[in-house]
N, C-alpha and C. Protein backbone atom coordinates (compact mmCIF):
# COMPACT_ATOMS: atom_id res chain seq x y z
N MET A 1 -42.64 -4.29 -62.45
CA MET A 1 -43.40 -3.61 -61.41
C MET A 1 -43.37 -4.45 -60.14
N GLU A 2 -43.18 -3.80 -59.02
CA GLU A 2 -43.05 -4.48 -57.74
C GLU A 2 -44.43 -4.81 -57.16
N THR A 3 -44.57 -6.01 -56.60
CA THR A 3 -45.82 -6.42 -55.97
C THR A 3 -45.89 -5.84 -54.56
N PRO A 4 -47.03 -5.24 -54.17
CA PRO A 4 -47.13 -4.67 -52.83
C PRO A 4 -47.08 -5.76 -51.76
N SER A 5 -46.52 -5.42 -50.61
CA SER A 5 -46.46 -6.38 -49.50
C SER A 5 -47.85 -6.52 -48.89
N GLN A 6 -48.03 -7.57 -48.07
CA GLN A 6 -49.33 -7.78 -47.44
C GLN A 6 -49.79 -6.58 -46.63
N PRO A 7 -48.95 -5.99 -45.76
CA PRO A 7 -49.43 -4.80 -45.03
C PRO A 7 -49.85 -3.65 -45.94
N ASP A 8 -49.14 -3.46 -47.07
CA ASP A 8 -49.52 -2.40 -48.00
C ASP A 8 -50.89 -2.68 -48.60
N VAL A 9 -51.15 -3.92 -48.95
CA VAL A 9 -52.44 -4.29 -49.52
C VAL A 9 -53.53 -4.07 -48.47
N LEU A 10 -53.26 -4.46 -47.23
CA LEU A 10 -54.25 -4.30 -46.18
C LEU A 10 -54.54 -2.84 -45.90
N ARG A 11 -53.53 -1.99 -45.94
CA ARG A 11 -53.74 -0.56 -45.73
C ARG A 11 -54.69 0.00 -46.78
N ALA A 12 -54.54 -0.46 -48.00
CA ALA A 12 -55.35 0.06 -49.10
C ALA A 12 -56.79 -0.43 -49.03
N SER A 13 -57.04 -1.53 -48.37
CA SER A 13 -58.38 -2.11 -48.38
C SER A 13 -59.32 -1.49 -47.36
N GLY A 14 -58.81 -0.74 -46.39
CA GLY A 14 -59.65 0.04 -45.50
C GLY A 14 -60.27 -0.71 -44.34
N SER A 15 -61.21 0.00 -43.72
CA SER A 15 -61.76 -0.45 -42.45
C SER A 15 -62.60 -1.71 -42.55
N SER A 16 -63.25 -1.96 -43.68
CA SER A 16 -64.08 -3.16 -43.76
C SER A 16 -63.24 -4.41 -43.56
N HIS A 17 -62.01 -4.39 -44.04
CA HIS A 17 -61.13 -5.54 -43.87
C HIS A 17 -60.70 -5.68 -42.41
N VAL A 18 -60.39 -4.58 -41.76
CA VAL A 18 -60.01 -4.60 -40.35
C VAL A 18 -61.18 -5.12 -39.52
N ARG A 19 -62.36 -4.59 -39.76
CA ARG A 19 -63.56 -4.99 -39.02
C ARG A 19 -63.83 -6.49 -39.22
N GLU A 20 -63.81 -6.93 -40.46
CA GLU A 20 -64.08 -8.34 -40.77
C GLU A 20 -63.07 -9.25 -40.06
N PHE A 21 -61.79 -8.91 -40.16
CA PHE A 21 -60.76 -9.73 -39.52
C PHE A 21 -60.98 -9.80 -38.01
N LEU A 22 -61.20 -8.65 -37.37
CA LEU A 22 -61.34 -8.62 -35.91
C LEU A 22 -62.60 -9.36 -35.45
N ILE A 23 -63.70 -9.20 -36.15
CA ILE A 23 -64.92 -9.91 -35.78
C ILE A 23 -64.70 -11.41 -35.89
N GLU A 24 -64.13 -11.87 -36.99
CA GLU A 24 -63.90 -13.30 -37.17
C GLU A 24 -62.91 -13.84 -36.15
N PHE A 25 -61.83 -13.10 -35.90
CA PHE A 25 -60.83 -13.53 -34.93
C PHE A 25 -61.43 -13.64 -33.53
N ILE A 26 -62.14 -12.60 -33.10
CA ILE A 26 -62.73 -12.59 -31.76
C ILE A 26 -63.77 -13.69 -31.61
N ALA A 27 -64.64 -13.83 -32.60
CA ALA A 27 -65.67 -14.87 -32.53
C ALA A 27 -65.05 -16.26 -32.42
N GLU A 28 -64.02 -16.50 -33.21
CA GLU A 28 -63.37 -17.81 -33.17
C GLU A 28 -62.67 -18.05 -31.84
N GLU A 29 -61.87 -17.08 -31.40
CA GLU A 29 -61.11 -17.24 -30.16
C GLU A 29 -62.00 -17.38 -28.92
N LEU A 30 -63.10 -16.64 -28.90
CA LEU A 30 -63.97 -16.65 -27.72
C LEU A 30 -65.17 -17.57 -27.90
N GLU A 31 -65.18 -18.30 -29.03
CA GLU A 31 -66.25 -19.26 -29.34
C GLU A 31 -67.63 -18.62 -29.26
N LEU A 32 -67.76 -17.51 -29.99
CA LEU A 32 -69.01 -16.77 -30.06
C LEU A 32 -69.50 -16.75 -31.49
N PRO A 33 -70.82 -16.67 -31.71
CA PRO A 33 -71.32 -16.46 -33.06
C PRO A 33 -70.90 -15.07 -33.56
N THR A 34 -70.52 -14.96 -34.82
CA THR A 34 -70.10 -13.66 -35.35
C THR A 34 -71.21 -12.63 -35.22
N ALA A 35 -72.47 -13.07 -35.23
CA ALA A 35 -73.60 -12.14 -35.09
C ALA A 35 -73.61 -11.46 -33.72
N ASP A 36 -72.93 -12.05 -32.74
CA ASP A 36 -72.89 -11.47 -31.39
C ASP A 36 -71.75 -10.47 -31.21
N VAL A 37 -70.95 -10.28 -32.25
CA VAL A 37 -69.78 -9.41 -32.17
C VAL A 37 -69.99 -8.22 -33.11
N ASN A 38 -70.04 -7.00 -32.55
CA ASN A 38 -70.23 -5.82 -33.38
C ASN A 38 -69.43 -4.65 -32.82
N ASP A 39 -69.47 -3.54 -33.50
CA ASP A 39 -68.68 -2.36 -33.11
C ASP A 39 -68.98 -1.88 -31.69
N PHE A 40 -70.18 -2.14 -31.21
CA PHE A 40 -70.58 -1.65 -29.89
C PHE A 40 -70.30 -2.65 -28.78
N SER A 41 -69.85 -3.85 -29.14
CA SER A 41 -69.55 -4.88 -28.14
C SER A 41 -68.40 -4.42 -27.25
N GLU A 42 -68.61 -4.49 -25.93
CA GLU A 42 -67.54 -4.17 -25.00
C GLU A 42 -66.60 -5.37 -24.92
N LEU A 43 -65.31 -5.11 -25.08
CA LEU A 43 -64.35 -6.21 -25.13
C LEU A 43 -64.37 -7.05 -23.85
N VAL A 44 -64.41 -6.41 -22.71
CA VAL A 44 -64.40 -7.15 -21.44
C VAL A 44 -65.82 -7.54 -21.04
N GLY A 45 -66.71 -6.57 -20.96
CA GLY A 45 -68.06 -6.81 -20.46
C GLY A 45 -68.90 -7.73 -21.31
N ASP A 46 -68.98 -7.47 -22.61
CA ASP A 46 -69.84 -8.26 -23.49
C ASP A 46 -69.16 -9.50 -24.04
N LEU A 47 -67.89 -9.37 -24.40
CA LEU A 47 -67.21 -10.45 -25.10
C LEU A 47 -66.37 -11.34 -24.18
N GLY A 48 -66.09 -10.88 -22.98
CA GLY A 48 -65.34 -11.70 -22.04
C GLY A 48 -63.84 -11.73 -22.24
N PHE A 49 -63.28 -10.66 -22.82
CA PHE A 49 -61.82 -10.57 -22.97
C PHE A 49 -61.16 -10.65 -21.60
N ASP A 50 -60.04 -11.37 -21.52
CA ASP A 50 -59.22 -11.40 -20.32
C ASP A 50 -57.78 -11.10 -20.74
N SER A 51 -56.85 -11.18 -19.81
CA SER A 51 -55.46 -10.81 -20.14
C SER A 51 -54.89 -11.68 -21.25
N LEU A 52 -55.24 -12.96 -21.27
CA LEU A 52 -54.77 -13.84 -22.34
C LEU A 52 -55.36 -13.44 -23.69
N SER A 53 -56.63 -13.09 -23.69
CA SER A 53 -57.29 -12.64 -24.93
C SER A 53 -56.62 -11.38 -25.48
N PHE A 54 -56.30 -10.45 -24.58
CA PHE A 54 -55.64 -9.22 -25.01
C PHE A 54 -54.26 -9.52 -25.60
N ALA A 55 -53.49 -10.37 -24.94
CA ALA A 55 -52.14 -10.71 -25.42
C ALA A 55 -52.21 -11.41 -26.77
N LEU A 56 -53.12 -12.37 -26.91
CA LEU A 56 -53.27 -13.08 -28.17
C LEU A 56 -53.76 -12.14 -29.27
N GLY A 57 -54.69 -11.25 -28.92
CA GLY A 57 -55.19 -10.28 -29.89
C GLY A 57 -54.10 -9.37 -30.42
N VAL A 58 -53.25 -8.90 -29.53
CA VAL A 58 -52.13 -8.04 -29.95
C VAL A 58 -51.23 -8.78 -30.92
N SER A 59 -50.91 -10.01 -30.59
CA SER A 59 -50.04 -10.81 -31.45
C SER A 59 -50.66 -11.02 -32.83
N GLU A 60 -51.93 -11.36 -32.87
CA GLU A 60 -52.62 -11.59 -34.15
C GLU A 60 -52.71 -10.32 -34.97
N ILE A 61 -53.05 -9.21 -34.34
CA ILE A 61 -53.18 -7.93 -35.05
C ILE A 61 -51.83 -7.50 -35.61
N LYS A 62 -50.79 -7.59 -34.80
CA LYS A 62 -49.45 -7.21 -35.26
C LYS A 62 -49.02 -8.08 -36.43
N GLY A 63 -49.27 -9.38 -36.34
CA GLY A 63 -48.89 -10.28 -37.42
C GLY A 63 -49.67 -10.05 -38.69
N ARG A 64 -50.94 -9.80 -38.55
CA ARG A 64 -51.81 -9.63 -39.72
C ARG A 64 -51.59 -8.30 -40.43
N PHE A 65 -51.46 -7.23 -39.65
CA PHE A 65 -51.41 -5.90 -40.24
C PHE A 65 -50.03 -5.26 -40.23
N GLY A 66 -49.06 -5.89 -39.57
CA GLY A 66 -47.69 -5.36 -39.57
C GLY A 66 -47.57 -4.01 -38.89
N ILE A 67 -48.29 -3.83 -37.78
CA ILE A 67 -48.26 -2.55 -37.06
C ILE A 67 -47.70 -2.76 -35.66
N GLN A 68 -47.27 -1.66 -35.04
CA GLN A 68 -46.81 -1.69 -33.66
C GLN A 68 -48.02 -1.47 -32.74
N LEU A 69 -48.14 -2.33 -31.75
CA LEU A 69 -49.28 -2.29 -30.86
C LEU A 69 -48.88 -2.98 -29.55
N THR A 70 -49.35 -2.47 -28.43
CA THR A 70 -49.07 -3.12 -27.15
C THR A 70 -50.38 -3.61 -26.53
N LYS A 71 -50.24 -4.48 -25.55
CA LYS A 71 -51.42 -4.96 -24.82
C LYS A 71 -52.13 -3.79 -24.16
N ASP A 72 -51.37 -2.82 -23.65
CA ASP A 72 -51.98 -1.64 -23.02
C ASP A 72 -52.78 -0.82 -24.03
N ASP A 73 -52.27 -0.71 -25.28
CA ASP A 73 -53.02 0.00 -26.33
C ASP A 73 -54.40 -0.63 -26.51
N VAL A 74 -54.40 -1.95 -26.62
CA VAL A 74 -55.65 -2.67 -26.85
C VAL A 74 -56.54 -2.60 -25.61
N PHE A 75 -55.95 -2.71 -24.43
CA PHE A 75 -56.72 -2.67 -23.18
C PHE A 75 -57.46 -1.35 -23.01
N GLU A 76 -56.91 -0.27 -23.53
CA GLU A 76 -57.56 1.04 -23.45
C GLU A 76 -58.82 1.12 -24.31
N CYS A 77 -58.96 0.24 -25.27
CA CYS A 77 -60.14 0.20 -26.13
C CYS A 77 -61.26 -0.51 -25.39
N LYS A 78 -62.31 0.18 -25.12
CA LYS A 78 -63.43 -0.42 -24.38
C LYS A 78 -64.33 -1.25 -25.28
N THR A 79 -64.45 -0.84 -26.56
CA THR A 79 -65.35 -1.54 -27.48
C THR A 79 -64.58 -2.03 -28.71
N LEU A 80 -65.22 -2.93 -29.43
CA LEU A 80 -64.62 -3.40 -30.68
C LEU A 80 -64.45 -2.23 -31.65
N GLY A 81 -65.41 -1.33 -31.69
CA GLY A 81 -65.31 -0.16 -32.56
C GLY A 81 -64.07 0.66 -32.27
N ALA A 82 -63.77 0.84 -30.98
CA ALA A 82 -62.57 1.59 -30.60
C ALA A 82 -61.31 0.84 -31.02
N LEU A 83 -61.33 -0.48 -30.93
CA LEU A 83 -60.18 -1.27 -31.36
C LEU A 83 -59.99 -1.17 -32.87
N ILE A 84 -61.07 -1.20 -33.61
CA ILE A 84 -61.00 -1.04 -35.07
C ILE A 84 -60.38 0.31 -35.40
N GLU A 85 -60.84 1.37 -34.74
CA GLU A 85 -60.28 2.71 -34.98
C GLU A 85 -58.80 2.76 -34.66
N LEU A 86 -58.39 2.12 -33.57
CA LEU A 86 -56.98 2.09 -33.20
C LEU A 86 -56.14 1.42 -34.28
N VAL A 87 -56.58 0.25 -34.72
CA VAL A 87 -55.83 -0.48 -35.75
C VAL A 87 -55.76 0.35 -37.03
N GLU A 88 -56.88 0.92 -37.45
CA GLU A 88 -56.90 1.74 -38.66
C GLU A 88 -55.96 2.93 -38.55
N SER A 89 -55.86 3.52 -37.37
CA SER A 89 -55.00 4.69 -37.19
C SER A 89 -53.52 4.34 -37.30
N ARG A 90 -53.19 3.08 -37.11
CA ARG A 90 -51.80 2.64 -37.18
C ARG A 90 -51.41 2.13 -38.56
N LEU A 91 -52.39 1.96 -39.44
CA LEU A 91 -52.10 1.45 -40.79
C LEU A 91 -51.45 2.52 -41.64
């Protein structure tokens, strides 16, 4: 029997895994407590995302989930919840 690849396993695990990964990644990169990062957090306004944050986020998301994503795709997401939905839709 063939072992599923990492992206296949991640697809099967659903949104809680996407949410957890993105919250931890954002909190670490922006040096914020994870409690300050939630679905309603605005990426630019609340969390302080800038062009470098968007570029790094795209790279991390693509590497982790094996999906196609551009900086513009992520930039269109105003909140973390919208970003989670975008990533899930590409899985």
